[in-house]
Amino acid sequence: MQTLQLAEHLIDLEKQLHSTGARHSVEALSCLIADDFIEYGASGDCFGKQEVLKWLPLEQNVEITAFDFQCRLLADDVAQVTYRSVRKLAQASDRYTLRSSIWKKTGRHWQMIFHQGTLSSSF
């Protein structure tokens, strides 16, 4: 896969994780997130795949807008995706976050192995 096509593919996978359909599907999440996944959340908490599979499908009334995507190849089978996001919650203020994900090619598929969200002032 060429670099531009790979970047588009990984950004698409990242956006899938923002969609309600994927977020509420344990099967979709299991495909997109590696078993050894680690996240340092904007909340300051650290958690893995099992925690994500437990609470993300229960999440309600969340809308995520993401933009300023960038992708860079770190190795033939490892890439980083960075972007900015605004998380709109039904009963709370918008949350602005700088985000970074590491994706690894496992077999024929790419899976997220690491994600970090850092709170930011409004964009």
C-alpha atoms as a PDB file:
ATOM      1  CA  MET A   1       0.000   0.000   0.000  1.00  0.00           C
ATOM      2  CA  GLN A   2       1.408   3.411  -0.945  1.00  0.00           C
ATOM      3  CA  THR A   3       1.998   5.996   1.768  1.00  0.00           C
ATOM      4  CA  LEU A   4      -0.932   8.252   0.796  1.00  0.00           C
ATOM      5  CA  GLN A   5      -3.307   5.281   0.533  1.00  0.00           C
ATOM      6  CA  LEU A   6      -2.083   3.978   3.886  1.00  0.00           C
ATOM      7  CA  ALA A   7      -2.629   7.369   5.525  1.00  0.00           C
ATOM      8  CA  GLU A   8      -6.175   7.543   4.145  1.00  0.00           C
ATOM      9  CA  HIS A   9      -6.843   3.971   5.301  1.00  0.00           C
ATOM     10  CA  LEU A  10      -5.591   4.569   8.861  1.00  0.00           C
ATOM     11  CA  ILE A  11      -7.460   7.867   9.166  1.00  0.00           C
ATOM     12  CA  ASP A  12     -10.602   6.038   8.040  1.00  0.00           C
ATOM     13  CA  LEU A  13     -10.032   3.372  10.720  1.00  0.00           C
ATOM     14  CA  GLU A  14      -9.538   6.114  13.309  1.00  0.00           C
ATOM     15  CA  LYS A  15     -12.800   7.770  12.235  1.00  0.00           C
ATOM     16  CA  GLN A  16     -14.592   4.419  12.510  1.00  0.00           C
ATOM     17  CA  LEU A  17     -13.692   4.420  16.195  1.00  0.00           C
ATOM     18  CA  HIS A  18     -15.555   7.731  16.512  1.00  0.00           C
ATOM     19  CA  SER A  19     -18.756   6.357  15.003  1.00  0.00           C
ATOM     20  CA  THR A  20     -21.582   5.217  17.236  1.00  0.00           C
ATOM     21  CA  GLY A  21     -21.882   1.986  15.233  1.00  0.00           C
ATOM     22  CA  ALA A  22     -18.309   0.907  15.979  1.00  0.00           C
ATOM     23  CA  ARG A  23     -18.287   2.280  19.525  1.00  0.00           C
ATOM     24  CA  HIS A  24     -21.355   0.227  20.431  1.00  0.00           C
ATOM     25  CA  SER A  25     -20.109  -2.969  18.755  1.00  0.00           C
ATOM     26  CA  VAL A  26     -17.796  -5.225  20.757  1.00  0.00           C
ATOM     27  CA  GLU A  27     -17.075  -7.114  17.519  1.00  0.00           C
ATOM     28  CA  ALA A  28     -16.017  -3.955  15.629  1.00  0.00           C
ATOM     29  CA  LEU A  29     -13.947  -2.714  18.558  1.00  0.00           C
ATOM     30  CA  SER A  30     -12.253  -6.117  18.887  1.00  0.00           C
ATOM     31  CA  CYS A  31     -11.195  -5.952  15.240  1.00  0.00           C
ATOM     32  CA  LEU A  32      -9.878  -2.384  15.429  1.00  0.00           C
ATOM     33  CA  ILE A  33      -8.098  -2.592  18.792  1.00  0.00           C
ATOM     34  CA  ALA A  34      -5.165  -4.922  19.479  1.00  0.00           C
ATOM     35  CA  ASP A  35      -5.242  -7.298  22.432  1.00  0.00           C
ATOM     36  CA  ASP A  36      -2.239  -5.524  24.022  1.00  0.00           C
ATOM     37  CA  PHE A  37      -3.770  -2.050  23.487  1.00  0.00           C
ATOM     38  CA  ILE A  38      -3.000   0.681  26.052  1.00  0.00           C
ATOM     39  CA  GLU A  39      -4.640   4.083  26.311  1.00  0.00           C
ATOM     40  CA  TYR A  40      -3.695   7.129  28.333  1.00  0.00           C
ATOM     41  CA  GLY A  41      -7.012   8.929  28.284  1.00  0.00           C
ATOM     42  CA  ALA A  42      -7.736  12.630  28.439  1.00  0.00           C
ATOM     43  CA  SER A  43      -9.259  11.786  31.838  1.00  0.00           C
ATOM     44  CA  GLY A  44      -5.772  10.923  33.100  1.00  0.00           C
ATOM     45  CA  ASP A  45      -6.657   7.229  33.415  1.00  0.00           C
ATOM     46  CA  CYS A  46      -4.741   4.364  31.813  1.00  0.00           C
ATOM     47  CA  PHE A  47      -6.639   1.341  30.546  1.00  0.00           C
ATOM     48  CA  GLY A  48      -6.528  -1.549  28.109  1.00  0.00           C
ATOM     49  CA  LYS A  49      -8.701  -3.326  25.589  1.00  0.00           C
ATOM     50  CA  GLN A  50     -10.879  -5.171  28.110  1.00  0.00           C
ATOM     51  CA  GLU A  51     -11.890  -1.920  29.820  1.00  0.00           C
ATOM     52  CA  VAL A  52     -12.696  -0.344  26.443  1.00  0.00           C
ATOM     53  CA  LEU A  53     -14.827  -3.328  25.440  1.00  0.00           C
ATOM     54  CA  LYS A  54     -16.685  -3.056  28.747  1.00  0.00           C
ATOM     55  CA  TRP A  55     -17.573   0.651  28.879  1.00  0.00           C
ATOM     56  CA  LEU A  56     -17.438   2.052  25.347  1.00  0.00           C
ATOM     57  CA  PRO A  57     -20.508   0.130  24.075  1.00  0.00           C
ATOM     58  CA  LEU A  58     -22.489   1.617  26.990  1.00  0.00           C
ATOM     59  CA  GLU A  59     -21.579   5.221  26.150  1.00  0.00           C
ATOM     60  CA  GLN A  60     -24.564   7.400  25.282  1.00  0.00           C
ATOM     61  CA  ASN A  61     -25.110  10.818  23.693  1.00  0.00           C
ATOM     62  CA  VAL A  62     -21.512  11.478  22.629  1.00  0.00           C
ATOM     63  CA  GLU A  63     -20.596  13.188  19.376  1.00  0.00           C
ATOM     64  CA  ILE A  64     -16.952  13.429  18.288  1.00  0.00           C
ATOM     65  CA  THR A  65     -15.718  15.806  15.620  1.00  0.00           C
ATOM     66  CA  ALA A  66     -12.147  15.187  14.518  1.00  0.00           C
ATOM     67  CA  PHE A  67      -9.927  17.191  12.157  1.00  0.00           C
ATOM     68  CA  ASP A  68      -6.330  18.131  11.279  1.00  0.00           C
ATOM     69  CA  PHE A  69      -5.397  14.487  10.755  1.00  0.00           C
ATOM     70  CA  GLN A  70      -1.777  13.656  10.052  1.00  0.00           C
ATOM     71  CA  CYS A  71      -0.235  10.261   9.522  1.00  0.00           C
ATOM     72  CA  ARG A  72       3.398   9.192   9.498  1.00  0.00           C
ATOM     73  CA  LEU A  73       4.968   5.829   8.925  1.00  0.00           C
ATOM     74  CA  LEU A  74       7.257   4.839  11.805  1.00  0.00           C
ATOM     75  CA  ALA A  75       8.216   1.437  10.331  1.00  0.00           C
ATOM     76  CA  ASP A  76       6.895  -0.755   7.530  1.00  0.00           C
ATOM     77  CA  ASP A  77       4.205  -2.100   9.849  1.00  0.00           C
ATOM     78  CA  VAL A  78       3.779   0.756  12.372  1.00  0.00           C
ATOM     79  CA  ALA A  79       2.218   4.196  11.870  1.00  0.00           C
ATOM     80  CA  GLN A  80       1.143   7.147  13.983  1.00  0.00           C
ATOM     81  CA  VAL A  81      -2.050   9.134  13.458  1.00  0.00           C
ATOM     82  CA  THR A  82      -2.430  12.504  15.180  1.00  0.00           C
ATOM     83  CA  TYR A  83      -5.413  14.856  15.169  1.00  0.00           C
ATOM     84  CA  ARG A  84      -7.579  17.242  17.156  1.00  0.00           C
ATOM     85  CA  SER A  85     -11.027  16.381  18.423  1.00  0.00           C
ATOM     86  CA  VAL A  86     -14.006  18.021  20.029  1.00  0.00           C
ATOM     87  CA  ARG A  87     -16.191  15.778  22.125  1.00  0.00           C
ATOM     88  CA  LYS A  88     -19.718  17.036  22.607  1.00  0.00           C
ATOM     89  CA  LEU A  89     -21.543  15.589  25.577  1.00  0.00           C
ATOM     90  CA  ALA A  90     -25.277  16.009  26.034  1.00  0.00           C
ATOM     91  CA  GLN A  91     -25.071  17.444  29.546  1.00  0.00           C
ATOM     92  CA  ALA A  92     -21.564  18.953  29.685  1.00  0.00           C
ATOM     93  CA  SER A  93     -19.224  21.444  28.058  1.00  0.00           C
ATOM     94  CA  ASP A  94     -17.344  20.521  24.897  1.00  0.00           C
ATOM     95  CA  ARG A  95     -13.985  18.832  25.521  1.00  0.00           C
ATOM     96  CA  TYR A  96     -11.055  19.720  23.231  1.00  0.00           C
ATOM     97  CA  THR A  97      -8.335  17.112  22.930  1.00  0.00           C
ATOM     98  CA  LEU A  98      -5.069  16.538  21.069  1.00  0.00           C
ATOM     99  CA  ARG A  99      -4.934  12.861  20.096  1.00  0.00           C
ATOM    100  CA  SER A 100      -2.243  10.422  19.015  1.00  0.00           C
ATOM    101  CA  SER A 101      -2.659   6.778  18.018  1.00  0.00           C
ATOM    102  CA  ILE A 102      -0.153   4.112  17.081  1.00  0.00           C
ATOM    103  CA  TRP A 103      -1.369   1.516  14.580  1.00  0.00           C
ATOM    104  CA  LYS A 104       0.390  -1.803  13.886  1.00  0.00           C
ATOM    105  CA  LYS A 105      -0.159  -4.124  10.985  1.00  0.00           C
ATOM    106  CA  THR A 106      -0.993  -7.585  12.290  1.00  0.00           C
ATOM    107  CA  GLY A 107      -1.217 -10.113   9.489  1.00  0.00           C
ATOM    108  CA  ARG A 108      -3.268  -8.367   6.810  1.00  0.00           C
ATOM    109  CA  HIS A 109      -5.035  -5.913   9.146  1.00  0.00           C
ATOM    110  CA  TRP A 110      -4.110  -2.761  11.005  1.00  0.00           C
ATOM    111  CA  GLN A 111      -4.986  -2.473  14.697  1.00  0.00           C
ATOM    112  CA  MET A 112      -4.567   0.322  17.204  1.00  0.00           C
ATOM    113  CA  ILE A 113      -1.995  -0.599  19.855  1.00  0.00           C
ATOM    114  CA  PHE A 114      -1.732   2.742  21.679  1.00  0.00           C
ATOM    115  CA  HIS A 115      -3.787   5.900  22.056  1.00  0.00           C
ATOM    116  CA  GLN A 116      -3.322   9.077  24.054  1.00  0.00           C
ATOM    117  CA  GLY A 117      -5.634  12.015  24.504  1.00  0.00           C
ATOM    118  CA  THR A 118      -4.360  15.275  26.010  1.00  0.00           C
ATOM    119  CA  LEU A 119      -6.871  17.925  27.023  1.00  0.00           C
ATOM    120  CA  SER A 120      -6.441  21.274  25.324  1.00  0.00           C
ATOM    121  CA  SER A 121      -7.951  24.715  25.324  1.00  0.00           C
ATOM    122  CA  SER A 122     -10.535  25.325  22.600  1.00  0.00           C
ATOM    123  CA  PHE A 123      -9.302  25.261  19.011  1.00  0.00           C
END
